[in-house]
């Protein structure tokens, strides 16, 4: 039988490679011409299920982040994704449990951070120190530094980048956000292109047993929830084995982490946390502080209704609490808060002052020093929790 050389494309997106395959024609299959076609008796490449040994799922974070797979973390800008990741990194590098991660890990490991937005020295290092991470087990780089060191960009489908990751033997690799690490040929809105962009990364993760966390921005639609909140192709959702979505509660001023998809275990409970300003040495930073768990999911929070007001003063009070709750650290400068509230509810300054004074008297907010000559209104979350009745 005559052989013909044919080019096939590598399933991992590499260059086309030559493959010798038999050229079978209708004539060669015609037994009347005396041609014999030899076939494998068992299909050749297929494995019998009876010969495959059962292997349990391995976890970097039990029930939440599986080894060898992709996990997505989505949320609006400023919601606190980096603060939650700092808690996750602390858990992976030290094994210390918390309300966020109550189950002790099998072992600790190294974490690699590819950060496309936050600075390593001014943002990541203080956050990790505040969270209690083991900095000796954290490796980090930004695209600019990577380019200066290697002459390449750290794209998800760059074989050299992936070889460097493998050499570091991490337990967890974070790309924050994924949009910063897609090559020009990738298209967030194309299922095929996103599959190509992540196939080699997923293959390496499975071969070497590390987990991958892809951080994503979310769409701004107020009524969107679940997979519709994530930007770009749904192929990322489909390909990931675990998906976490973050947002803010409308009435409590807290941040939630909802486990929206879990292909290898039952979804974890939704975690709620508040954000506190803390010190890391002499540097001011923020820290995620665990509050509680709930069975509510992303759609429940997205569709949550604001508490109905009973009058102008009550409406202004609720707007003050709502705006403070959405602020990145739960606090704002007084003049900024006043301007935002008056624009939202169209009230006078005297009405605003009266509403804020009432909240301060009942200890729902308090004034704290924000620097020389400046005061900030800070949301008192424990009092707010006591005040709201569902």
Protein backbone atom coordinates (compact mmCIF):
# COMPACT_ATOMS: atom_id res chain seq x y z
CA UNK A 1 0.00 0.00 0.00
CA UNK A 2 1.45 3.40 -0.99
CA UNK A 3 2.27 5.87 1.82
CA UNK A 4 1.65 9.59 1.50
CA UNK A 5 3.19 12.35 3.64
CA UNK A 6 0.61 14.64 5.22
CA UNK A 7 1.01 17.61 7.58
CA UNK A 8 -1.02 17.56 10.76
CA UNK A 9 -1.37 20.30 13.34
CA UNK A 10 -0.08 19.63 16.86
CA UNK A 11 -2.96 19.42 19.39
CA UNK A 12 -0.95 21.71 21.67
CA UNK A 13 -0.78 24.49 19.10
CA UNK A 14 2.78 23.90 17.88
CA UNK A 15 4.05 23.88 14.32
CA UNK A 16 2.69 21.39 11.86
CA UNK A 17 4.61 18.12 11.82
CA UNK A 18 4.94 15.49 9.07
CA UNK A 19 3.15 12.19 9.61
CA UNK A 20 3.30 9.10 7.40
CA UNK A 21 -0.21 7.72 6.92
CA UNK A 22 -1.42 5.03 4.55
CA UNK A 23 -3.32 6.27 1.51
CA UNK A 24 -6.48 4.16 1.33
CA UNK A 25 -8.60 4.44 -1.82
CA UNK A 26 -11.85 2.84 -2.84
CA UNK A 27 -9.86 0.67 -5.21
CA UNK A 28 -7.56 -0.57 -2.46
CA UNK A 29 -10.60 -1.59 -0.42
CA UNK A 30 -12.08 -3.52 -3.33
CA UNK A 31 -11.51 -7.17 -2.37
CA UNK A 32 -12.20 -8.18 -5.98
CA UNK A 33 -8.83 -6.67 -6.90
CA UNK A 34 -7.11 -8.85 -4.34
CA UNK A 35 -5.99 -6.01 -2.03
CA UNK A 36 -5.86 -6.91 1.68
CA UNK A 37 -6.30 -4.21 4.35
CA UNK A 38 -4.70 -5.13 7.68
CA UNK A 39 -6.53 -3.72 10.76
CA UNK A 40 -5.49 -3.68 14.42
CA UNK A 41 -7.54 -6.18 16.36
CA UNK A 42 -8.16 -3.85 19.35
CA UNK A 43 -7.97 -0.37 17.81
CA UNK A 44 -4.34 0.09 18.79
CA UNK A 45 -4.45 3.38 20.76
CA UNK A 46 -7.47 2.76 22.98
CA UNK A 47 -7.10 1.78 26.64
CA UNK A 48 -9.43 -0.64 28.34
CA UNK A 49 -11.23 0.88 31.30
CA UNK A 50 -10.54 -2.34 33.19
CA UNK A 51 -6.80 -1.57 32.97
CA UNK A 52 -7.07 2.02 34.26
CA UNK A 53 -6.33 2.46 37.96
CA UNK A 54 -8.65 4.71 39.95
CA UNK A 55 -6.94 7.90 41.13
CA UNK A 56 -8.46 10.36 43.62
CA UNK A 57 -8.69 14.06 42.83
CA UNK A 58 -5.80 15.96 44.39
CA UNK A 59 -6.37 19.45 45.79
CA UNK A 60 -4.26 22.51 46.46
CA UNK A 61 -7.24 23.86 48.40
CA UNK A 62 -9.61 21.04 49.41
CA UNK A 63 -12.88 21.16 47.50
CA UNK A 64 -12.07 24.49 45.84
CA UNK A 65 -8.82 24.48 43.81
CA UNK A 66 -7.90 21.12 42.19
CA UNK A 67 -4.36 20.24 41.15
CA UNK A 68 -3.70 19.96 37.43
CA UNK A 69 -6.76 22.01 36.48
CA UNK A 70 -7.87 25.56 35.72
CA UNK A 71 -9.81 27.58 38.31
CA UNK A 72 -11.45 30.92 37.48
CA UNK A 73 -11.84 33.84 39.88
CA UNK A 74 -14.07 36.64 38.57
CA UNK A 75 -15.11 39.95 40.05
CA UNK A 76 -15.44 43.67 39.39
CA UNK A 77 -12.39 45.88 39.73
CA UNK A 78 -11.83 46.96 43.33
CA UNK A 79 -14.07 44.30 44.88
CA UNK A 80 -11.18 42.68 46.76
CA UNK A 81 -9.91 39.88 44.50
CA UNK A 82 -6.31 40.62 45.42
CA UNK A 83 -7.10 40.55 49.15
CA UNK A 84 -8.81 37.17 48.81
CA UNK A 85 -5.86 35.87 46.77
CA UNK A 86 -3.50 37.01 49.53
CA UNK A 87 -5.44 34.83 51.98
CA UNK A 88 -5.27 31.94 49.53
CA UNK A 89 -1.52 32.34 49.06
CA UNK A 90 -1.02 32.44 52.83
CA UNK A 91 -2.92 29.16 53.14
CA UNK A 92 -0.99 27.42 50.34
CA UNK A 93 2.44 28.56 51.57
CA UNK A 94 1.95 28.03 55.33
CA UNK A 95 -0.91 25.55 55.70
CA UNK A 96 -2.53 27.75 58.35
CA UNK A 97 -6.30 27.32 58.36
CA UNK A 98 -8.87 30.12 58.65
CA UNK A 99 -12.54 30.82 58.09
CA UNK A 100 -11.74 31.11 54.39
CA UNK A 101 -9.97 27.72 54.24
CA UNK A 102 -10.89 25.61 57.29
CA UNK A 103 -9.46 22.25 56.16
CA UNK A 104 -5.76 21.62 56.66
CA UNK A 105 -3.94 20.96 53.33
CA UNK A 106 -2.06 17.77 52.57
CA UNK A 107 1.12 19.82 52.21
CA UNK A 108 2.29 23.37 51.55
CA UNK A 109 3.91 24.62 48.37
CA UNK A 110 5.25 27.43 46.25
CA UNK A 111 3.01 30.01 44.56
CA UNK A 112 3.89 31.91 41.37
CA UNK A 113 2.15 35.24 40.74
CA UNK A 114 1.98 36.79 37.28
CA UNK A 115 0.60 40.26 38.02
CA UNK A 116 -0.45 42.56 35.21
CA UNK A 117 -1.96 45.38 37.26
CA UNK A 118 -0.81 45.63 40.90
CA UNK A 119 2.74 46.57 41.86
CA UNK A 120 4.81 43.93 43.63
CA UNK A 121 6.49 46.24 46.16
CA UNK A 122 3.67 48.68 46.96
CA UNK A 123 0.67 46.32 46.79
CA UNK A 124 1.43 42.59 46.73
CA UNK A 125 4.21 42.46 49.34
CA UNK A 126 2.28 44.39 52.04
CA UNK A 127 -0.91 42.41 51.38
CA UNK A 128 0.91 39.09 51.65
CA UNK A 129 2.63 40.14 54.87
CA UNK A 130 -0.71 41.25 56.33
CA UNK A 131 -2.27 37.91 55.36
CA UNK A 132 0.59 35.95 56.95
CA UNK A 133 2.00 34.35 53.79
CA UNK A 134 5.46 32.77 53.69
CA UNK A 135 7.27 35.14 51.31
CA UNK A 136 10.08 32.61 50.78
CA UNK A 137 7.58 30.40 48.96
CA UNK A 138 6.15 33.12 46.72
CA UNK A 139 7.60 33.91 43.28
CA UNK A 140 6.27 36.94 41.39
CA UNK A 141 6.84 38.88 38.19
CA UNK A 142 5.08 41.45 36.03
CA UNK A 143 5.02 41.52 32.20
CA UNK A 144 7.42 44.47 31.96
CA UNK A 145 10.06 42.88 34.16
CA UNK A 146 9.65 39.53 32.40
CA UNK A 147 10.21 41.24 29.03
CA UNK A 148 13.32 43.01 30.33
CA UNK A 149 14.73 39.73 31.66
CA UNK A 150 13.85 37.41 28.77
CA UNK A 151 12.94 39.48 25.71
CA UNK A 152 9.58 37.67 25.63
CA UNK A 153 6.11 38.22 27.00
CA UNK A 154 4.77 35.68 29.56
CA UNK A 155 1.84 34.53 27.48
CA UNK A 156 -0.23 31.54 28.58
CA UNK A 157 0.71 29.61 25.45
CA UNK A 158 4.44 30.47 25.46
CA UNK A 159 6.36 27.15 25.84
CA UNK A 160 9.39 28.92 27.35
CA UNK A 161 7.27 30.57 30.02
CA UNK A 162 5.63 27.26 30.86
CA UNK A 163 9.01 25.53 31.10
CA UNK A 164 10.12 28.18 33.61
CA UNK A 165 6.95 27.56 35.61
CA UNK A 166 7.57 23.81 35.64
CA UNK A 167 11.17 24.33 36.76
CA UNK A 168 9.97 26.28 39.83
CA UNK A 169 7.77 23.31 40.87
CA UNK A 170 4.82 25.40 42.11
CA UNK A 171 1.65 24.21 43.79
CA UNK A 172 -0.33 27.16 42.44
CA UNK A 173 0.17 29.59 39.54
CA UNK A 174 -1.87 32.81 39.39
CA UNK A 175 -2.42 34.95 36.29
CA UNK A 176 -3.96 38.25 37.40
CA UNK A 177 -5.74 39.18 35.22
CA UNK A 178 -5.82 36.69 32.35
CA UNK A 179 -6.37 39.49 29.83
CA UNK A 180 -2.79 40.70 30.41
CA UNK A 181 -1.30 37.31 29.51
CA UNK A 182 -3.05 36.43 26.27
CA UNK A 183 -1.00 36.55 23.09
CA UNK A 184 -2.15 38.81 20.21
CA UNK A 185 -3.55 35.79 18.35
CA UNK A 186 -5.89 35.00 21.26
CA UNK A 187 -9.45 36.34 21.17
CA UNK A 188 -11.47 36.44 24.39
CA UNK A 189 -14.70 36.15 22.40
CA UNK A 190 -13.65 33.10 20.39
CA UNK A 191 -14.17 29.64 21.85
CA UNK A 192 -11.58 28.14 19.51
CA UNK A 193 -8.92 30.75 20.22
CA UNK A 194 -9.40 30.58 24.00
CA UNK A 195 -9.18 26.81 23.88
CA UNK A 196 -5.91 27.09 21.95
CA UNK A 197 -4.59 29.70 24.41
CA UNK A 198 -5.10 27.46 27.44
CA UNK A 199 -4.52 23.92 26.12
CA UNK A 200 -0.74 23.84 26.63
CA UNK A 201 -1.06 25.43 30.07
CA UNK A 202 -3.66 22.85 31.14
CA UNK A 203 -1.49 20.03 29.77
CA UNK A 204 1.56 21.16 31.73
CA UNK A 205 -0.55 21.60 34.88
CA UNK A 206 -1.80 18.02 34.64
CA UNK A 207 1.63 16.60 33.86
CA UNK A 208 3.34 18.37 36.78
CA UNK A 209 0.53 18.63 39.31
CA UNK A 210 0.14 22.36 39.83
CA UNK A 211 -3.11 24.31 39.95
CA UNK A 212 -3.80 27.37 37.80
CA UNK A 213 -5.85 30.37 38.96
CA UNK A 214 -7.04 32.64 36.14
CA UNK A 215 -8.34 35.97 37.43
CA UNK A 216 -10.95 37.68 35.26
CA UNK A 217 -12.83 40.95 35.13
CA UNK A 218 -16.60 40.74 35.06
CA UNK A 219 -19.20 42.37 32.87
CA UNK A 220 -20.85 45.48 34.23
CA UNK A 221 -24.47 44.40 33.60
CA UNK A 222 -26.40 44.95 36.83
CA UNK A 223 -28.71 41.98 36.30
CA UNK A 224 -26.12 39.46 35.06
CA UNK A 225 -25.16 36.60 37.36
CA UNK A 226 -23.29 33.31 37.15
CA UNK A 227 -21.40 32.59 33.93
CA UNK A 228 -22.92 35.66 32.23
CA UNK A 229 -20.88 37.89 34.53
CA UNK A 230 -17.57 36.75 33.07
CA UNK A 231 -16.10 38.64 30.13
CA UNK A 232 -15.36 36.91 26.84
CA UNK A 233 -15.91 33.35 25.66
CA UNK A 234 -17.85 30.83 27.71
CA UNK A 235 -15.14 28.29 26.82
CA UNK A 236 -13.13 29.41 29.84
CA UNK A 237 -16.06 28.57 32.09
CA UNK A 238 -16.59 25.24 30.33
CA UNK A 239 -12.91 24.29 30.49
CA UNK A 240 -12.36 25.29 34.11
CA UNK A 241 -13.08 22.67 36.77
CA UNK A 242 -13.81 25.29 39.43
CA UNK A 243 -15.24 28.83 39.19
CA UNK A 244 -15.43 31.47 41.94
CA UNK A 245 -17.32 34.76 41.60
CA UNK A 246 -16.95 37.77 43.88
CA UNK A 247 -19.15 40.77 44.53
CA UNK A 248 -20.54 43.05 47.22
CA UNK A 249 -23.73 42.59 49.18
CA UNK A 250 -26.12 45.49 48.67
CA UNK A 251 -27.27 45.92 52.24
CA UNK A 252 -24.52 44.55 54.48
CA UNK A 253 -21.47 46.16 52.94
CA UNK A 254 -19.58 42.85 52.77
CA UNK A 255 -17.72 41.01 50.03
CA UNK A 256 -18.82 37.52 49.01
CA UNK A 257 -16.99 34.65 47.28
CA UNK A 258 -19.49 32.32 45.64
CA UNK A 259 -18.36 28.87 44.42
CA UNK A 260 -20.38 28.77 41.20
CA UNK A 261 -18.94 25.68 39.53
CA UNK A 262 -17.26 22.59 40.91
CA UNK A 263 -16.71 19.64 38.59
CA UNK A 264 -14.85 17.48 41.11
CA UNK A 265 -16.72 18.00 44.39
CA UNK A 266 -19.76 19.66 45.93
CA UNK A 267 -19.47 23.47 45.75
CA UNK A 268 -18.14 25.11 48.88
CA UNK A 269 -20.29 27.47 50.93
CA UNK A 270 -20.19 31.14 50.03
CA UNK A 271 -17.77 33.08 52.24
CA UNK A 272 -18.41 36.64 53.39
CA UNK A 273 -15.67 38.99 54.47
CA UNK A 274 -15.03 42.61 55.38
CA UNK A 275 -12.00 44.72 54.50
CA UNK A 276 -9.90 46.34 57.19
CA UNK A 277 -7.05 48.80 56.98
CA UNK A 278 -3.95 47.34 58.65
CA UNK A 279 -0.22 47.93 58.89
CA UNK A 280 2.44 45.77 57.28
CA UNK A 281 5.50 47.12 59.02
CA UNK A 282 5.31 50.86 58.40
CA UNK A 283 3.12 50.49 55.31
CA UNK A 284 -0.66 50.90 55.37
CA UNK A 285 -2.48 48.20 53.46
CA UNK A 286 -5.77 46.30 53.52
CA UNK A 287 -6.70 42.82 54.69
CA UNK A 288 -9.67 40.53 54.06
CA UNK A 289 -11.25 39.54 57.39
CA UNK A 290 -13.51 36.48 57.33
CA UNK A 291 -17.05 37.15 58.55
CA UNK A 292 -19.27 34.10 57.97
CA UNK A 293 -20.55 31.48 55.53
CA UNK A 294 -23.90 31.41 53.74
CA UNK A 295 -25.70 29.19 51.25
CA UNK A 296 -26.61 32.21 49.10
CA UNK A 297 -25.02 32.31 45.66
CA UNK A 298 -24.01 35.01 43.18
CA UNK A 299 -27.51 35.27 41.65
CA UNK A 300 -29.04 35.80 45.11
CA UNK A 301 -26.75 38.75 45.78
CA UNK A 302 -27.09 40.23 42.30
CA UNK A 303 -30.89 40.16 42.58
CA UNK A 304 -30.92 41.32 46.19
CA UNK A 305 -33.13 44.39 46.74
CA UNK A 306 -32.06 47.41 48.69
CA UNK A 307 -33.98 47.94 51.91
CA UNK A 308 -36.96 50.21 51.28
CA UNK A 309 -36.70 53.66 52.82
CA UNK A 310 -39.42 55.13 55.04
CA UNK A 311 -38.60 58.78 54.42
CA UNK A 312 -36.00 61.19 53.13
CA UNK A 313 -33.74 60.92 56.16
CA UNK A 314 -33.86 57.12 56.05
CA UNK A 315 -33.14 57.15 52.30
CA UNK A 316 -30.06 59.32 52.84
CA UNK A 317 -28.87 57.09 55.69
CA UNK A 318 -29.19 54.00 53.53
CA UNK A 319 -27.30 55.69 50.70
CA UNK A 320 -24.46 56.61 53.08
CA UNK A 321 -24.20 52.99 54.24
CA UNK A 322 -24.48 51.65 50.69
CA UNK A 323 -21.74 53.92 49.30
CA UNK A 324 -19.39 53.20 52.20
CA UNK A 325 -20.05 49.49 51.76
CA UNK A 326 -19.00 49.64 48.11
CA UNK A 327 -15.82 51.61 48.84
CA UNK A 328 -12.66 49.44 48.44
CA UNK A 329 -11.75 49.62 52.16
CA UNK A 330 -15.18 50.47 53.55
CA UNK A 331 -14.23 54.12 54.06
CA UNK A 332 -14.17 57.44 52.22
CA UNK A 333 -13.07 61.00 52.84
CA UNK A 334 -15.98 63.00 54.29
CA UNK A 335 -16.17 65.48 51.42
CA UNK A 336 -16.13 62.68 48.83
CA UNK A 337 -18.84 60.78 50.70
CA UNK A 338 -21.02 63.89 50.96
CA UNK A 339 -20.74 64.64 47.26
CA UNK A 340 -21.54 61.04 46.24
CA UNK A 341 -24.60 60.82 48.50
CA UNK A 342 -26.05 64.20 47.52
CA UNK A 343 -25.71 63.33 43.84
CA UNK A 344 -27.47 60.00 44.31
CA UNK A 345 -30.48 61.10 46.38
CA UNK A 346 -30.65 64.80 45.45
CA UNK A 347 -30.71 65.98 49.07
CA UNK A 348 -29.56 69.19 50.70
CA UNK A 349 -26.40 69.47 52.77
CA UNK A 350 -28.43 69.91 55.94
CA UNK A 351 -30.36 66.67 55.23
CA UNK A 352 -27.09 64.86 54.56
CA UNK A 353 -25.51 66.20 57.77
CA UNK A 354 -28.56 65.15 59.80
CA UNK A 355 -28.54 61.63 58.34
CA UNK A 356 -24.82 61.18 58.90
CA UNK A 357 -25.10 62.51 62.45
CA UNK A 358 -27.87 59.98 63.21
CA UNK A 359 -25.72 57.12 61.90
CA UNK A 360 -22.78 58.28 64.01
CA UNK A 361 -24.92 58.54 67.16
CA UNK A 362 -26.16 54.98 66.72
CA UNK A 363 -22.56 53.88 66.01
CA UNK A 364 -23.31 52.63 62.51
CA UNK A 365 -20.43 54.74 61.19
CA UNK A 366 -17.58 56.44 62.92
CA UNK A 367 -15.01 59.08 62.09
CA UNK A 368 -11.36 58.09 61.96
CA UNK A 369 -8.23 60.01 61.17
CA UNK A 370 -7.16 59.59 57.55
CA UNK A 371 -4.04 61.74 57.70
CA UNK A 372 -3.10 65.31 58.69
CA UNK A 373 -6.12 67.60 58.46
CA UNK A 374 -8.32 64.87 57.02
CA UNK A 375 -11.06 62.68 58.47
CA UNK A 376 -12.78 59.67 56.96
CA UNK A 377 -16.15 58.03 57.59
CA UNK A 378 -15.65 54.32 58.27
CA UNK A 379 -18.36 51.69 58.06
CA UNK A 380 -18.83 49.82 61.35
CA UNK A 381 -19.76 46.39 60.00
CA UNK A 382 -20.70 44.71 63.27
CA UNK A 383 -23.18 47.46 64.08
CA UNK A 384 -24.54 47.40 60.54
CA UNK A 385 -25.17 43.70 60.82
CA UNK A 386 -27.11 44.30 64.03
CA UNK A 387 -29.18 47.08 62.46
CA UNK A 388 -30.46 45.31 59.33
CA UNK A 389 -33.52 43.13 59.71
CA UNK A 390 -34.43 40.89 56.76
